[in-house]
Structure formats: structure tokens, C-alpha cells
N, C-alpha and C. Protein backbone atom coordinates (compact mmCIF):
# COMPACT_ATOMS: atom_id res chain seq x y z
N MET A 1 178.24 96.71 153.86
CA MET A 1 177.82 97.64 152.84
C MET A 1 176.30 97.60 152.76
N GLU A 2 175.65 98.69 152.95
CA GLU A 2 174.19 98.78 152.86
C GLU A 2 173.78 98.93 151.40
N ILE A 3 172.56 98.52 151.10
CA ILE A 3 172.08 98.62 149.73
C ILE A 3 171.95 100.07 149.28
N THR A 4 171.72 100.97 150.19
CA THR A 4 171.61 102.38 149.83
C THR A 4 172.95 102.97 149.43
N GLN A 5 174.04 102.34 149.81
CA GLN A 5 175.37 102.84 149.49
C GLN A 5 175.92 102.26 148.19
N VAL A 6 175.20 101.36 147.59
CA VAL A 6 175.68 100.70 146.39
C VAL A 6 175.67 101.71 145.24
N ALA A 7 176.78 101.76 144.50
CA ALA A 7 176.96 102.79 143.48
C ALA A 7 176.22 102.48 142.19
N ASN A 8 176.16 101.24 141.80
CA ASN A 8 175.48 100.92 140.54
C ASN A 8 174.66 99.64 140.67
N LYS A 9 173.90 99.36 139.63
CA LYS A 9 173.00 98.21 139.65
C LYS A 9 173.75 96.89 139.75
N ASN A 10 174.87 96.78 139.06
CA ASN A 10 175.61 95.51 139.09
C ASN A 10 176.06 95.16 140.51
N GLU A 11 176.48 96.15 141.25
CA GLU A 11 176.87 95.89 142.63
C GLU A 11 175.66 95.50 143.47
N ALA A 12 174.52 96.12 143.19
CA ALA A 12 173.30 95.78 143.93
C ALA A 12 172.88 94.34 143.63
N TYR A 13 172.94 93.94 142.37
CA TYR A 13 172.59 92.57 142.01
C TYR A 13 173.56 91.58 142.65
N LYS A 14 174.83 91.91 142.65
CA LYS A 14 175.83 91.04 143.25
C LYS A 14 175.59 90.90 144.76
N LEU A 15 175.22 92.02 145.40
CA LEU A 15 174.94 92.00 146.83
C LEU A 15 173.73 91.12 147.14
N ILE A 16 172.67 91.24 146.36
CA ILE A 16 171.48 90.41 146.57
C ILE A 16 171.82 88.94 146.33
N GLU A 17 172.67 88.68 145.36
CA GLU A 17 173.05 87.31 145.03
C GLU A 17 173.91 86.65 146.11
N THR A 18 174.79 87.42 146.75
CA THR A 18 175.77 86.81 147.66
C THR A 18 175.50 87.04 149.14
N ASP A 19 174.77 88.07 149.49
CA ASP A 19 174.53 88.39 150.90
C ASP A 19 173.42 87.50 151.45
N PRO A 20 173.66 86.76 152.54
CA PRO A 20 172.64 85.86 153.09
C PRO A 20 171.39 86.59 153.60
N ARG A 21 171.49 87.88 153.86
CA ARG A 21 170.30 88.61 154.32
C ARG A 21 169.22 88.66 153.25
N PHE A 22 169.59 88.51 152.01
CA PHE A 22 168.64 88.63 150.92
C PHE A 22 168.24 87.27 150.34
N SER A 23 168.54 86.20 151.04
CA SER A 23 168.22 84.86 150.53
C SER A 23 166.72 84.66 150.38
N THR A 24 165.92 85.28 151.24
CA THR A 24 164.46 85.13 151.11
C THR A 24 163.95 85.79 149.85
N ILE A 25 164.59 86.87 149.44
CA ILE A 25 164.20 87.53 148.19
C ILE A 25 164.48 86.61 147.01
N LEU A 26 165.65 86.00 147.00
CA LEU A 26 165.99 85.09 145.90
C LEU A 26 165.09 83.86 145.87
N GLU A 27 164.73 83.35 147.03
CA GLU A 27 163.85 82.18 147.09
C GLU A 27 162.44 82.51 146.60
N ALA A 28 162.04 83.78 146.73
CA ALA A 28 160.70 84.18 146.32
C ALA A 28 160.57 84.33 144.81
N ILE A 29 161.69 84.40 144.10
CA ILE A 29 161.65 84.56 142.65
C ILE A 29 161.38 83.19 142.04
N PRO A 30 160.26 83.06 141.31
CA PRO A 30 159.92 81.74 140.76
C PRO A 30 160.79 81.40 139.56
N PHE A 31 161.08 80.11 139.42
CA PHE A 31 161.80 79.61 138.25
C PHE A 31 160.81 79.51 137.10
N ARG A 32 161.19 80.01 135.96
CA ARG A 32 160.34 79.93 134.77
C ARG A 32 161.15 79.36 133.61
N HIS A 33 160.50 78.52 132.83
CA HIS A 33 161.12 78.01 131.60
C HIS A 33 161.02 79.10 130.53
N PRO A 34 162.04 79.23 129.69
CA PRO A 34 161.97 80.19 128.57
C PRO A 34 161.18 79.58 127.41
N THR A 35 159.88 79.48 127.58
CA THR A 35 159.05 78.76 126.62
C THR A 35 159.04 79.44 125.25
N GLN A 36 159.20 80.75 125.21
CA GLN A 36 159.26 81.42 123.91
C GLN A 36 160.47 80.95 123.13
N LEU A 37 161.59 80.72 123.82
CA LEU A 37 162.78 80.20 123.14
C LEU A 37 162.58 78.76 122.69
N TYR A 38 161.93 77.96 123.53
CA TYR A 38 161.65 76.57 123.14
C TYR A 38 160.82 76.55 121.86
N GLU A 39 159.78 77.38 121.82
CA GLU A 39 158.94 77.45 120.63
C GLU A 39 159.73 77.93 119.42
N ALA A 40 160.54 78.97 119.61
CA ALA A 40 161.31 79.52 118.49
C ALA A 40 162.25 78.47 117.91
N PHE A 41 162.96 77.73 118.76
CA PHE A 41 163.85 76.68 118.27
C PHE A 41 163.07 75.57 117.56
N GLY A 42 161.94 75.21 118.11
CA GLY A 42 161.10 74.20 117.47
C GLY A 42 160.62 74.65 116.11
N TYR A 43 160.24 75.92 115.99
CA TYR A 43 159.77 76.45 114.71
C TYR A 43 160.90 76.54 113.69
N MET A 44 162.11 76.84 114.15
CA MET A 44 163.25 76.86 113.22
C MET A 44 163.52 75.46 112.68
N ILE A 45 163.45 74.46 113.54
CA ILE A 45 163.64 73.08 113.10
C ILE A 45 162.54 72.69 112.12
N LEU A 46 161.31 73.09 112.41
CA LEU A 46 160.19 72.82 111.51
C LEU A 46 160.43 73.46 110.15
N PHE A 47 160.92 74.69 110.14
CA PHE A 47 161.22 75.38 108.88
C PHE A 47 162.24 74.59 108.07
N ILE A 48 163.27 74.10 108.73
CA ILE A 48 164.30 73.31 108.03
C ILE A 48 163.69 72.04 107.45
N ILE A 49 162.84 71.38 108.22
CA ILE A 49 162.18 70.16 107.74
C ILE A 49 161.32 70.45 106.52
N LEU A 50 160.55 71.53 106.57
CA LEU A 50 159.67 71.87 105.45
C LEU A 50 160.46 72.26 104.21
N MET A 51 161.55 72.99 104.39
CA MET A 51 162.39 73.35 103.24
C MET A 51 163.01 72.09 102.63
N PHE A 52 163.45 71.18 103.47
CA PHE A 52 164.00 69.92 102.98
C PHE A 52 162.93 69.16 102.20
N MET A 53 161.72 69.09 102.74
CA MET A 53 160.64 68.39 102.06
C MET A 53 160.34 69.01 100.70
N TYR A 54 160.37 70.32 100.63
CA TYR A 54 160.02 70.99 99.38
C TYR A 54 161.11 70.80 98.32
N TRP A 55 162.37 70.97 98.71
CA TRP A 55 163.44 70.96 97.73
C TRP A 55 164.04 69.58 97.48
N ARG A 56 163.98 68.65 98.43
CA ARG A 56 164.68 67.38 98.27
C ARG A 56 163.77 66.16 98.11
N THR A 57 162.47 66.35 98.25
CA THR A 57 161.55 65.22 98.08
C THR A 57 160.49 65.59 97.04
N ASP A 58 159.59 64.67 96.79
CA ASP A 58 158.51 64.95 95.84
C ASP A 58 157.26 65.48 96.54
N ALA A 59 157.38 65.96 97.77
CA ALA A 59 156.22 66.42 98.54
C ALA A 59 155.49 67.57 97.86
N ARG A 60 156.21 68.40 97.11
CA ARG A 60 155.57 69.55 96.46
C ARG A 60 154.66 69.11 95.32
N ASN A 61 154.74 67.84 94.93
CA ASN A 61 153.90 67.33 93.84
C ASN A 61 152.53 66.85 94.32
N TYR A 62 152.28 66.96 95.62
CA TYR A 62 150.99 66.52 96.18
C TYR A 62 150.39 67.67 96.99
N LEU A 63 149.19 68.09 96.57
CA LEU A 63 148.54 69.21 97.25
C LEU A 63 148.24 68.88 98.71
N GLY A 64 148.74 69.68 99.60
CA GLY A 64 148.44 69.55 101.01
C GLY A 64 149.44 68.77 101.83
N LYS A 65 150.39 68.10 101.19
CA LYS A 65 151.32 67.28 101.95
C LYS A 65 152.19 68.14 102.87
N ILE A 66 152.79 69.17 102.33
CA ILE A 66 153.65 70.05 103.14
C ILE A 66 152.81 70.81 104.16
N PHE A 67 151.63 71.26 103.76
CA PHE A 67 150.77 71.98 104.69
C PHE A 67 150.32 71.08 105.83
N GLY A 68 150.01 69.82 105.55
CA GLY A 68 149.63 68.88 106.59
C GLY A 68 150.76 68.64 107.57
N VAL A 69 151.98 68.47 107.06
CA VAL A 69 153.15 68.30 107.93
C VAL A 69 153.34 69.55 108.78
N PHE A 70 153.17 70.71 108.16
CA PHE A 70 153.28 71.98 108.87
C PHE A 70 152.30 72.04 110.04
N LEU A 71 151.04 71.73 109.78
CA LEU A 71 150.03 71.78 110.85
C LEU A 71 150.35 70.81 111.97
N VAL A 72 150.70 69.59 111.62
CA VAL A 72 150.96 68.57 112.64
C VAL A 72 152.12 68.99 113.53
N PHE A 73 153.24 69.34 112.93
CA PHE A 73 154.42 69.63 113.73
C PHE A 73 154.34 70.96 114.45
N LEU A 74 153.74 71.97 113.83
CA LEU A 74 153.59 73.26 114.50
C LEU A 74 152.78 73.11 115.79
N TRP A 75 151.67 72.42 115.68
CA TRP A 75 150.80 72.29 116.85
C TRP A 75 151.31 71.24 117.83
N LEU A 76 152.11 70.27 117.37
CA LEU A 76 152.76 69.36 118.30
C LEU A 76 153.82 70.08 119.13
N ILE A 77 154.56 70.97 118.49
CA ILE A 77 155.53 71.78 119.22
C ILE A 77 154.80 72.59 120.28
N ARG A 78 153.72 73.23 119.89
CA ARG A 78 152.94 74.03 120.84
C ARG A 78 152.40 73.15 121.97
N PHE A 79 151.93 71.97 121.64
CA PHE A 79 151.37 71.05 122.62
C PHE A 79 152.43 70.67 123.65
N VAL A 80 153.64 70.35 123.20
CA VAL A 80 154.72 69.94 124.11
C VAL A 80 155.18 71.11 124.97
N VAL A 81 155.31 72.29 124.38
CA VAL A 81 155.78 73.46 125.13
C VAL A 81 154.78 73.85 126.22
N GLU A 82 153.51 73.58 126.00
CA GLU A 82 152.49 73.92 126.99
C GLU A 82 152.68 73.16 128.30
N TYR A 83 153.39 72.03 128.29
CA TYR A 83 153.64 71.30 129.53
C TYR A 83 154.49 72.10 130.51
N VAL A 84 155.42 72.90 130.01
CA VAL A 84 156.30 73.67 130.90
C VAL A 84 155.89 75.14 131.00
N LYS A 85 154.90 75.54 130.26
CA LYS A 85 154.46 76.93 130.26
C LYS A 85 153.60 77.22 131.49
N GLU A 86 153.73 78.42 132.01
CA GLU A 86 152.91 78.86 133.14
C GLU A 86 151.47 79.03 132.68
N SER A 87 150.51 78.66 133.49
CA SER A 87 149.11 78.76 133.13
C SER A 87 148.72 80.22 132.89
N GLN A 88 147.97 80.42 131.81
CA GLN A 88 147.52 81.76 131.46
C GLN A 88 146.02 81.91 131.71
N GLY A 89 145.48 81.05 132.51
CA GLY A 89 144.04 81.10 132.76
C GLY A 89 143.34 80.17 131.79
N GLY A 90 142.06 80.33 131.66
CA GLY A 90 141.32 79.47 130.76
C GLY A 90 140.54 78.44 131.55
N PHE A 91 140.32 77.30 130.93
CA PHE A 91 139.49 76.28 131.57
C PHE A 91 140.29 75.08 132.05
N GLU A 92 141.58 75.27 132.40
CA GLU A 92 142.37 74.16 132.92
C GLU A 92 141.80 73.58 134.20
N SER A 93 141.29 74.45 135.06
CA SER A 93 140.79 73.97 136.35
C SER A 93 139.57 73.06 136.20
N SER A 94 138.76 73.28 135.15
CA SER A 94 137.58 72.45 134.99
C SER A 94 137.87 71.15 134.23
N LEU A 95 138.87 71.16 133.34
CA LEU A 95 139.19 69.95 132.58
C LEU A 95 140.44 69.26 133.09
N GLY A 96 141.26 69.97 133.79
CA GLY A 96 142.35 69.39 134.56
C GLY A 96 143.53 68.79 133.85
N LEU A 97 143.34 67.78 133.06
CA LEU A 97 144.46 67.02 132.53
C LEU A 97 145.36 67.83 131.60
N LEU A 98 144.78 68.57 130.70
CA LEU A 98 145.54 69.35 129.72
C LEU A 98 145.28 70.84 129.91
N SER A 99 146.21 71.66 129.39
CA SER A 99 146.02 73.11 129.47
C SER A 99 145.13 73.57 128.32
N THR A 100 144.73 74.82 128.37
CA THR A 100 143.88 75.39 127.32
C THR A 100 144.58 75.31 125.97
N GLY A 101 145.87 75.67 125.93
CA GLY A 101 146.61 75.62 124.69
C GLY A 101 146.69 74.22 124.11
N GLN A 102 146.79 73.22 124.97
CA GLN A 102 146.84 71.84 124.50
C GLN A 102 145.49 71.41 123.93
N TRP A 103 144.42 71.76 124.61
CA TRP A 103 143.08 71.42 124.11
C TRP A 103 142.84 72.07 122.76
N LEU A 104 143.30 73.32 122.60
CA LEU A 104 143.09 74.03 121.35
C LEU A 104 144.01 73.52 120.24
N SER A 105 145.09 72.86 120.58
CA SER A 105 146.02 72.32 119.58
C SER A 105 145.52 71.02 118.97
N ILE A 106 144.78 70.25 119.71
CA ILE A 106 144.34 68.92 119.26
C ILE A 106 143.57 68.96 117.94
N PRO A 107 142.59 69.85 117.73
CA PRO A 107 141.89 69.85 116.43
C PRO A 107 142.81 70.14 115.25
N PHE A 108 143.80 71.02 115.44
CA PHE A 108 144.72 71.34 114.35
C PHE A 108 145.64 70.16 114.04
N ILE A 109 146.04 69.42 115.06
CA ILE A 109 146.87 68.22 114.84
C ILE A 109 146.07 67.19 114.06
N ILE A 110 144.82 67.00 114.44
CA ILE A 110 143.96 66.03 113.74
C ILE A 110 143.74 66.45 112.30
N ALA A 111 143.45 67.75 112.08
CA ALA A 111 143.26 68.25 110.71
C ALA A 111 144.53 68.08 109.89
N GLY A 112 145.68 68.35 110.49
CA GLY A 112 146.94 68.19 109.78
C GLY A 112 147.21 66.75 109.40
N ILE A 113 146.91 65.83 110.30
CA ILE A 113 147.08 64.40 110.00
C ILE A 113 146.19 63.99 108.83
N TYR A 114 144.95 64.47 108.84
CA TYR A 114 144.03 64.16 107.75
C TYR A 114 144.54 64.71 106.41
N ILE A 115 144.95 65.98 106.40
CA ILE A 115 145.44 66.60 105.16
C ILE A 115 146.70 65.89 104.67
N TRP A 116 147.60 65.57 105.59
CA TRP A 116 148.85 64.88 105.25
C TRP A 116 148.56 63.49 104.69
N ALA A 117 147.66 62.76 105.34
CA ALA A 117 147.36 61.38 104.93
C ALA A 117 146.64 61.31 103.59
N THR A 118 145.82 62.29 103.29
CA THR A 118 145.06 62.26 102.04
C THR A 118 145.75 63.00 100.90
N ALA A 119 146.93 63.55 101.12
CA ALA A 119 147.63 64.31 100.09
C ALA A 119 148.03 63.43 98.91
N LYS A 120 148.28 62.16 99.14
CA LYS A 120 148.69 61.28 98.03
C LYS A 120 147.58 61.13 97.00
N ASN A 121 146.35 61.44 97.38
CA ASN A 121 145.22 61.36 96.46
C ASN A 121 145.03 62.65 95.67
N ARG A 122 145.87 63.65 95.92
CA ARG A 122 145.73 64.94 95.24
C ARG A 122 147.04 65.35 94.56
N PRO A 123 147.43 64.67 93.51
CA PRO A 123 148.67 65.08 92.83
C PRO A 123 148.47 66.41 92.12
N VAL A 124 149.53 67.16 92.01
CA VAL A 124 149.50 68.45 91.31
C VAL A 124 149.46 68.18 89.82
N THR A 125 148.54 68.83 89.15
CA THR A 125 148.48 68.71 87.69
C THR A 125 148.89 70.02 87.07
N ASN A 126 149.76 69.95 86.09
CA ASN A 126 150.21 71.16 85.40
C ASN A 126 149.16 71.56 84.37
N ILE A 127 148.73 72.79 84.47
CA ILE A 127 147.69 73.27 83.56
C ILE A 127 148.32 74.07 82.45
């Protein structure tokens, strides 16, 4: 069966998948991680953690505690996902070890740690 005789797309995809003549085409398709899904799942978990902190702990009684946790975990998720993400350009070639997204995440992680650590010194006062 020639590809020009294939009646619909599903048959064409099946032919490319199973016919050995098209194995080079399949090998040329790069494997990619679904990094957007990884990030989305990480952010959903972060949302659950923040909601738990707000409703089940005394974190809402200290200014910046929840925000600090948010910054730390949001940018940690981004930092981890960048390991499997395809390079989008930037200055990775000159700095090598980390990607651009990872370098840009580090200041936010540090700021979040600072805000989280100093939140105990800022209790909420009812006016």
C-alpha cells in the first residue's frame, strides 16, 4: 500500500508507525518531555500546599510567610523542570552549568527564603 493510496490520516500514521521503510522518519523525531505538564502538576501541588497552610495552620497570622513559601516552591519547581526542558537560547553556552531559566530562578528562591524566614518577626495586627 503506497502512502498516496491511504484514505485517511489514521491509516497514514499507522503505516508510518509499522512500515520499516519509514523507520528513518520515526528515528528523526526527537523525544521531548512534556515540561508544561510537569510545571502544571507542580503548580497544582503548590496550590494545595498553600491552601492547607492558609486554612489549617497559623501561617496567615504572619505577614509574608505564605508568600515566601510560594516564591520558594514556585521557582524550585521551575528550576527542576528546566533540567528536562529543551534549551530556548540565552546564555547557557557561556555559563554552561545551568540554563537561563535556572539562573533567573535563583534570586527568587533566595528572596523567598528570606521572606519566609523573617515572617515570624512580622505578626499580623488587627487594626
